[in-house]
Amino acid sequence: MPVWQRVIFCFCGIFGCLAVMLAALGAHLPDQAFITGGRPMLSRGVEMLMWHVLALLGLGVSGIAALRWVALPMAAGTVLFTLPVVSLALKGPNVALLAPFGGTLTMLAWLSLAVLACFAHRFRRSMT
């Protein structure tokens, strides 16, 4: 298994574990542990993690080498976007300046997937 796939599967494991942990915190922490509206904000962060775990699993399982250029930025963007959301929801440090970079990186990763899909026929041999 190539290094990029191992890295992506590692992200999947970490993201999945964090999502379950954060969902448990969201369900069991008292209201005063959150900012106003923090519980639903945390829930959206958990959803972001879990949906991207599934997307990253799909990219990694495909084994298509060119998809590493989608998977790696998607994983990094997910961290940079989700961390500020979760931190704010739980009254943690203010790292909100990371969110726009993470969101942009994640959106670019999704757009890269679309571009690769549209032009896959042109570089079929390099995709495998």
N, C-alpha and C. Protein backbone atom coordinates (compact mmCIF):
# COMPACT_ATOMS: atom_id res chain seq x y z
N MET A 1 0.85 -1.18 0.00
CA MET A 1 0.00 0.00 0.00
C MET A 1 0.90 1.24 0.00
N PRO A 2 0.66 2.15 -0.92
CA PRO A 2 1.48 3.36 -1.00
C PRO A 2 1.33 4.24 0.25
N VAL A 3 2.32 5.06 0.49
CA VAL A 3 2.35 5.93 1.66
C VAL A 3 1.11 6.83 1.71
N TRP A 4 0.71 7.39 0.57
CA TRP A 4 -0.43 8.32 0.60
C TRP A 4 -1.69 7.63 1.09
N GLN A 5 -1.87 6.34 0.73
CA GLN A 5 -3.06 5.62 1.19
C GLN A 5 -2.98 5.37 2.70
N ARG A 6 -1.81 5.01 3.19
CA ARG A 6 -1.66 4.80 4.64
C ARG A 6 -1.94 6.09 5.40
N VAL A 7 -1.46 7.20 4.88
CA VAL A 7 -1.70 8.50 5.53
C VAL A 7 -3.20 8.81 5.55
N ILE A 8 -3.87 8.59 4.43
CA ILE A 8 -5.30 8.87 4.35
C ILE A 8 -6.08 7.95 5.30
N PHE A 9 -5.74 6.67 5.34
CA PHE A 9 -6.44 5.77 6.26
C PHE A 9 -6.17 6.15 7.71
N CYS A 10 -4.98 6.65 8.00
CA CYS A 10 -4.66 7.14 9.34
C CYS A 10 -5.57 8.33 9.68
N PHE A 11 -5.71 9.28 8.75
CA PHE A 11 -6.63 10.39 8.96
C PHE A 11 -8.04 9.88 9.20
N CYS A 12 -8.46 8.89 8.44
CA CYS A 12 -9.81 8.34 8.60
C CYS A 12 -10.01 7.79 10.01
N GLY A 13 -9.04 7.05 10.49
CA GLY A 13 -9.14 6.50 11.84
C GLY A 13 -9.19 7.58 12.90
N ILE A 14 -8.33 8.57 12.77
CA ILE A 14 -8.30 9.67 13.74
C ILE A 14 -9.59 10.48 13.68
N PHE A 15 -10.01 10.84 12.46
CA PHE A 15 -11.23 11.63 12.30
C PHE A 15 -12.44 10.87 12.84
N GLY A 16 -12.53 9.58 12.54
CA GLY A 16 -13.65 8.78 13.02
C GLY A 16 -13.69 8.73 14.53
N CYS A 17 -12.53 8.49 15.14
CA CYS A 17 -12.44 8.45 16.60
C CYS A 17 -12.83 9.81 17.20
N LEU A 18 -12.30 10.89 16.64
CA LEU A 18 -12.63 12.22 17.13
C LEU A 18 -14.12 12.52 17.00
N ALA A 19 -14.71 12.10 15.89
CA ALA A 19 -16.13 12.35 15.68
C ALA A 19 -16.97 11.65 16.74
N VAL A 20 -16.64 10.41 17.05
CA VAL A 20 -17.38 9.67 18.08
C VAL A 20 -17.17 10.33 19.45
N MET A 21 -15.93 10.70 19.74
CA MET A 21 -15.62 11.35 21.02
C MET A 21 -16.38 12.67 21.15
N LEU A 22 -16.34 13.48 20.08
CA LEU A 22 -17.01 14.78 20.12
C LEU A 22 -18.53 14.63 20.20
N ALA A 23 -19.07 13.62 19.53
CA ALA A 23 -20.51 13.36 19.63
C ALA A 23 -20.88 12.99 21.07
N ALA A 24 -20.04 12.20 21.71
CA ALA A 24 -20.30 11.84 23.11
C ALA A 24 -20.23 13.07 24.01
N LEU A 25 -19.24 13.93 23.77
CA LEU A 25 -19.16 15.17 24.54
C LEU A 25 -20.41 16.03 24.32
N GLY A 26 -20.83 16.12 23.08
CA GLY A 26 -22.02 16.90 22.76
C GLY A 26 -23.27 16.37 23.45
N ALA A 27 -23.32 15.07 23.64
CA ALA A 27 -24.49 14.46 24.27
C ALA A 27 -24.46 14.54 25.79
N HIS A 28 -23.25 14.59 26.38
CA HIS A 28 -23.16 14.43 27.83
C HIS A 28 -22.66 15.65 28.59
N LEU A 29 -22.02 16.59 27.93
CA LEU A 29 -21.53 17.76 28.66
C LEU A 29 -22.71 18.66 29.07
N PRO A 30 -22.58 19.31 30.20
CA PRO A 30 -23.64 20.25 30.60
C PRO A 30 -23.64 21.48 29.70
N ASP A 31 -24.76 22.18 29.66
CA ASP A 31 -24.91 23.34 28.79
C ASP A 31 -23.84 24.41 29.01
N GLN A 32 -23.39 24.57 30.25
CA GLN A 32 -22.40 25.61 30.53
C GLN A 32 -21.03 25.31 29.92
N ALA A 33 -20.82 24.12 29.40
CA ALA A 33 -19.55 23.79 28.73
C ALA A 33 -19.49 24.36 27.32
N PHE A 34 -20.63 24.85 26.82
CA PHE A 34 -20.73 25.34 25.45
C PHE A 34 -20.99 26.84 25.43
N ILE A 35 -20.60 27.47 24.33
CA ILE A 35 -21.04 28.84 24.09
C ILE A 35 -22.53 28.77 23.74
N THR A 36 -23.20 29.91 23.69
CA THR A 36 -24.59 29.93 23.26
C THR A 36 -24.66 29.38 21.84
N GLY A 37 -25.48 28.37 21.63
CA GLY A 37 -25.60 27.72 20.33
C GLY A 37 -24.45 26.76 20.03
N GLY A 38 -23.65 26.45 21.04
CA GLY A 38 -22.47 25.61 20.84
C GLY A 38 -22.75 24.15 20.60
N ARG A 39 -23.81 23.64 21.22
CA ARG A 39 -24.13 22.21 21.04
C ARG A 39 -24.45 21.90 19.57
N PRO A 40 -25.32 22.68 18.91
CA PRO A 40 -25.55 22.41 17.48
C PRO A 40 -24.31 22.69 16.63
N MET A 41 -23.49 23.66 17.05
CA MET A 41 -22.25 23.94 16.33
C MET A 41 -21.31 22.73 16.40
N LEU A 42 -21.21 22.14 17.58
CA LEU A 42 -20.39 20.94 17.73
C LEU A 42 -20.93 19.81 16.87
N SER A 43 -22.24 19.69 16.82
CA SER A 43 -22.87 18.65 16.00
C SER A 43 -22.50 18.83 14.53
N ARG A 44 -22.47 20.06 14.05
CA ARG A 44 -22.07 20.31 12.65
C ARG A 44 -20.60 19.94 12.43
N GLY A 45 -19.77 20.19 13.42
CA GLY A 45 -18.36 19.78 13.31
C GLY A 45 -18.22 18.27 13.22
N VAL A 46 -19.02 17.56 14.02
CA VAL A 46 -19.02 16.09 13.99
C VAL A 46 -19.48 15.59 12.62
N GLU A 47 -20.53 16.21 12.09
CA GLU A 47 -21.02 15.83 10.77
C GLU A 47 -19.95 16.06 9.70
N MET A 48 -19.26 17.19 9.77
CA MET A 48 -18.20 17.49 8.81
C MET A 48 -17.12 16.40 8.87
N LEU A 49 -16.72 16.03 10.07
CA LEU A 49 -15.72 14.98 10.21
C LEU A 49 -16.19 13.66 9.62
N MET A 50 -17.39 13.24 9.97
CA MET A 50 -17.87 11.93 9.52
C MET A 50 -18.07 11.87 8.01
N TRP A 51 -18.63 12.91 7.42
CA TRP A 51 -18.81 12.89 5.96
C TRP A 51 -17.46 12.84 5.25
N HIS A 52 -16.47 13.54 5.81
CA HIS A 52 -15.17 13.52 5.15
C HIS A 52 -14.41 12.22 5.42
N VAL A 53 -14.70 11.56 6.53
CA VAL A 53 -14.15 10.21 6.73
C VAL A 53 -14.62 9.30 5.59
N LEU A 54 -15.91 9.36 5.29
CA LEU A 54 -16.45 8.51 4.22
C LEU A 54 -15.84 8.88 2.86
N ALA A 55 -15.72 10.16 2.59
CA ALA A 55 -15.13 10.58 1.32
C ALA A 55 -13.68 10.14 1.23
N LEU A 56 -12.93 10.34 2.30
CA LEU A 56 -11.51 9.95 2.29
C LEU A 56 -11.34 8.44 2.18
N LEU A 57 -12.22 7.68 2.83
CA LEU A 57 -12.17 6.23 2.70
C LEU A 57 -12.37 5.83 1.25
N GLY A 58 -13.34 6.43 0.59
CA GLY A 58 -13.58 6.13 -0.82
C GLY A 58 -12.38 6.45 -1.69
N LEU A 59 -11.77 7.60 -1.45
CA LEU A 59 -10.60 7.99 -2.24
C LEU A 59 -9.44 7.04 -1.99
N GLY A 60 -9.23 6.68 -0.72
CA GLY A 60 -8.13 5.79 -0.38
C GLY A 60 -8.34 4.38 -0.91
N VAL A 61 -9.54 3.86 -0.78
CA VAL A 61 -9.83 2.50 -1.23
C VAL A 61 -9.71 2.39 -2.75
N SER A 62 -9.99 3.47 -3.46
CA SER A 62 -9.90 3.42 -4.92
C SER A 62 -8.51 3.03 -5.39
N GLY A 63 -7.50 3.44 -4.64
CA GLY A 63 -6.13 3.13 -5.01
C GLY A 63 -5.62 3.90 -6.22
N ILE A 64 -6.40 4.83 -6.72
CA ILE A 64 -5.99 5.61 -7.89
C ILE A 64 -5.00 6.68 -7.43
N ALA A 65 -3.77 6.57 -7.89
CA ALA A 65 -2.70 7.43 -7.40
C ALA A 65 -2.98 8.91 -7.56
N ALA A 66 -3.60 9.30 -8.64
CA ALA A 66 -3.87 10.73 -8.87
C ALA A 66 -4.83 11.30 -7.82
N LEU A 67 -5.60 10.45 -7.18
CA LEU A 67 -6.55 10.94 -6.17
C LEU A 67 -5.88 11.37 -4.88
N ARG A 68 -4.59 11.10 -4.75
CA ARG A 68 -3.88 11.62 -3.57
C ARG A 68 -3.88 13.14 -3.58
N TRP A 69 -3.98 13.74 -4.77
CA TRP A 69 -4.00 15.20 -4.89
C TRP A 69 -5.36 15.76 -4.50
N VAL A 70 -6.31 14.89 -4.31
CA VAL A 70 -7.62 15.28 -3.77
C VAL A 70 -7.66 14.93 -2.27
N ALA A 71 -7.24 13.72 -1.93
CA ALA A 71 -7.38 13.22 -0.57
C ALA A 71 -6.54 13.99 0.45
N LEU A 72 -5.30 14.25 0.14
CA LEU A 72 -4.43 14.91 1.12
C LEU A 72 -4.90 16.34 1.43
N PRO A 73 -5.21 17.16 0.42
CA PRO A 73 -5.74 18.50 0.76
C PRO A 73 -7.10 18.43 1.44
N MET A 74 -7.91 17.43 1.09
CA MET A 74 -9.21 17.29 1.74
C MET A 74 -9.02 16.99 3.23
N ALA A 75 -8.09 16.12 3.55
CA ALA A 75 -7.83 15.79 4.96
C ALA A 75 -7.31 17.02 5.71
N ALA A 76 -6.36 17.71 5.12
CA ALA A 76 -5.81 18.91 5.77
C ALA A 76 -6.89 19.98 5.93
N GLY A 77 -7.68 20.19 4.90
CA GLY A 77 -8.75 21.18 4.96
C GLY A 77 -9.79 20.84 6.01
N THR A 78 -10.08 19.57 6.15
CA THR A 78 -11.06 19.14 7.15
C THR A 78 -10.56 19.47 8.56
N VAL A 79 -9.28 19.24 8.81
CA VAL A 79 -8.70 19.60 10.11
C VAL A 79 -8.79 21.10 10.33
N LEU A 80 -8.35 21.87 9.35
CA LEU A 80 -8.29 23.32 9.50
C LEU A 80 -9.67 23.96 9.59
N PHE A 81 -10.69 23.31 9.05
CA PHE A 81 -12.04 23.85 9.13
C PHE A 81 -12.74 23.41 10.40
N THR A 82 -12.60 22.15 10.75
CA THR A 82 -13.34 21.59 11.88
C THR A 82 -12.79 22.04 13.23
N LEU A 83 -11.47 22.16 13.33
CA LEU A 83 -10.84 22.54 14.60
C LEU A 83 -11.40 23.86 15.15
N PRO A 84 -11.47 24.92 14.36
CA PRO A 84 -12.03 26.17 14.91
C PRO A 84 -13.50 26.05 15.32
N VAL A 85 -14.28 25.29 14.56
CA VAL A 85 -15.70 25.13 14.88
C VAL A 85 -15.85 24.44 16.23
N VAL A 86 -15.13 23.35 16.42
CA VAL A 86 -15.21 22.58 17.66
C VAL A 86 -14.65 23.39 18.82
N SER A 87 -13.53 24.04 18.60
CA SER A 87 -12.91 24.83 19.66
C SER A 87 -13.82 25.95 20.13
N LEU A 88 -14.44 26.65 19.22
CA LEU A 88 -15.36 27.73 19.57
C LEU A 88 -16.57 27.18 20.32
N ALA A 89 -17.14 26.09 19.82
CA ALA A 89 -18.33 25.50 20.45
C ALA A 89 -18.07 25.12 21.89
N LEU A 90 -16.85 24.63 22.17
CA LEU A 90 -16.50 24.15 23.51
C LEU A 90 -15.75 25.18 24.35
N LYS A 91 -15.86 26.46 23.99
CA LYS A 91 -15.21 27.55 24.73
C LYS A 91 -13.70 27.39 24.78
N GLY A 92 -13.13 26.82 23.73
CA GLY A 92 -11.68 26.64 23.66
C GLY A 92 -10.99 27.87 23.10
N PRO A 93 -9.72 27.72 22.76
CA PRO A 93 -8.97 28.85 22.20
C PRO A 93 -9.57 29.30 20.87
N ASN A 94 -9.46 30.57 20.61
CA ASN A 94 -10.00 31.13 19.38
C ASN A 94 -8.99 30.95 18.25
N VAL A 95 -9.26 29.97 17.40
CA VAL A 95 -8.41 29.71 16.23
C VAL A 95 -9.24 29.89 14.95
N ALA A 96 -10.19 30.82 15.03
CA ALA A 96 -11.12 31.04 13.92
C ALA A 96 -10.41 31.42 12.63
N LEU A 97 -9.22 31.99 12.72
CA LEU A 97 -8.51 32.38 11.50
C LEU A 97 -8.14 31.18 10.63
N LEU A 98 -8.18 29.98 11.17
CA LEU A 98 -7.87 28.78 10.39
C LEU A 98 -9.04 28.34 9.50
N ALA A 99 -10.26 28.65 9.93
CA ALA A 99 -11.46 28.15 9.24
C ALA A 99 -11.52 28.54 7.76
N PRO A 100 -11.26 29.80 7.39
CA PRO A 100 -11.33 30.12 5.96
C PRO A 100 -10.32 29.35 5.12
N PHE A 101 -9.14 29.13 5.68
CA PHE A 101 -8.14 28.35 4.94
C PHE A 101 -8.58 26.90 4.79
N GLY A 102 -9.11 26.34 5.88
CA GLY A 102 -9.59 24.96 5.83
C GLY A 102 -10.77 24.80 4.89
N GLY A 103 -11.70 25.73 4.94
CA GLY A 103 -12.86 25.66 4.06
C GLY A 103 -12.45 25.78 2.60
N THR A 104 -11.55 26.72 2.33
CA THR A 104 -11.08 26.91 0.95
C THR A 104 -10.34 25.67 0.46
N LEU A 105 -9.47 25.13 1.29
CA LEU A 105 -8.71 23.93 0.90
C LEU A 105 -9.64 22.75 0.66
N THR A 106 -10.65 22.60 1.49
CA THR A 106 -11.60 21.50 1.32
C THR A 106 -12.41 21.67 0.04
N MET A 107 -12.86 22.89 -0.22
CA MET A 107 -13.61 23.13 -1.46
C MET A 107 -12.74 22.90 -2.69
N LEU A 108 -11.48 23.32 -2.62
CA LEU A 108 -10.57 23.09 -3.75
C LEU A 108 -10.33 21.59 -3.96
N ALA A 109 -10.27 20.84 -2.89
CA ALA A 109 -10.11 19.38 -3.01
C ALA A 109 -11.31 18.77 -3.73
N TRP A 110 -12.51 19.19 -3.36
CA TRP A 110 -13.71 18.68 -4.02
C TRP A 110 -13.72 19.09 -5.49
N LEU A 111 -13.34 20.32 -5.79
CA LEU A 111 -13.28 20.75 -7.18
C LEU A 111 -12.20 19.99 -7.95
N SER A 112 -11.10 19.67 -7.29
CA SER A 112 -10.06 18.86 -7.93
C SER A 112 -10.58 17.49 -8.31
N LEU A 113 -11.42 16.93 -7.47
CA LEU A 113 -12.04 15.64 -7.79
C LEU A 113 -12.88 15.77 -9.05
N ALA A 114 -13.64 16.85 -9.16
CA ALA A 114 -14.46 17.07 -10.36
C ALA A 114 -13.59 17.20 -11.60
N VAL A 115 -12.51 17.96 -11.49
CA VAL A 115 -11.60 18.15 -12.63
C VAL A 115 -10.97 16.83 -13.04
N LEU A 116 -10.48 16.08 -12.05
CA LEU A 116 -9.88 14.78 -12.37
C LEU A 116 -10.89 13.85 -13.04
N ALA A 117 -12.12 13.88 -12.57
CA ALA A 117 -13.15 13.04 -13.18
C ALA A 117 -13.44 13.46 -14.62
N CYS A 118 -13.47 14.76 -14.87
CA CYS A 118 -13.77 15.26 -16.22
C CYS A 118 -12.67 14.94 -17.22
N PHE A 119 -11.44 14.93 -16.74
CA PHE A 119 -10.31 14.75 -17.66
C PHE A 119 -9.59 13.42 -17.48
N ALA A 120 -10.22 12.48 -16.79
CA ALA A 120 -9.59 11.19 -16.52
C ALA A 120 -9.24 10.44 -17.80
N HIS A 121 -10.04 10.58 -18.83
CA HIS A 121 -9.78 9.86 -20.08
C HIS A 121 -8.48 10.32 -20.73
N ARG A 122 -8.00 11.50 -20.42
CA ARG A 122 -6.77 12.03 -21.03
C ARG A 122 -5.50 11.46 -20.41
N PHE A 123 -5.60 11.05 -19.16
CA PHE A 123 -4.40 10.52 -18.51
C PHE A 123 -4.72 9.25 -17.74
N ARG A 124 -5.42 8.36 -18.42
CA ARG A 124 -5.87 7.11 -17.82
C ARG A 124 -4.71 6.32 -17.21
N ARG A 125 -3.61 6.23 -17.89
CA ARG A 125 -2.49 5.41 -17.38
C ARG A 125 -1.91 5.98 -16.09
N SER A 126 -1.90 7.28 -15.94
CA SER A 126 -1.34 7.86 -14.72
C SER A 126 -2.32 7.79 -13.55
N MET A 127 -3.56 7.44 -13.81
CA MET A 127 -4.57 7.37 -12.74
C MET A 127 -4.46 6.08 -11.94
N THR A 128 -3.85 5.06 -12.51
CA THR A 128 -3.82 3.77 -11.80
C THR A 128 -2.52 3.54 -11.10
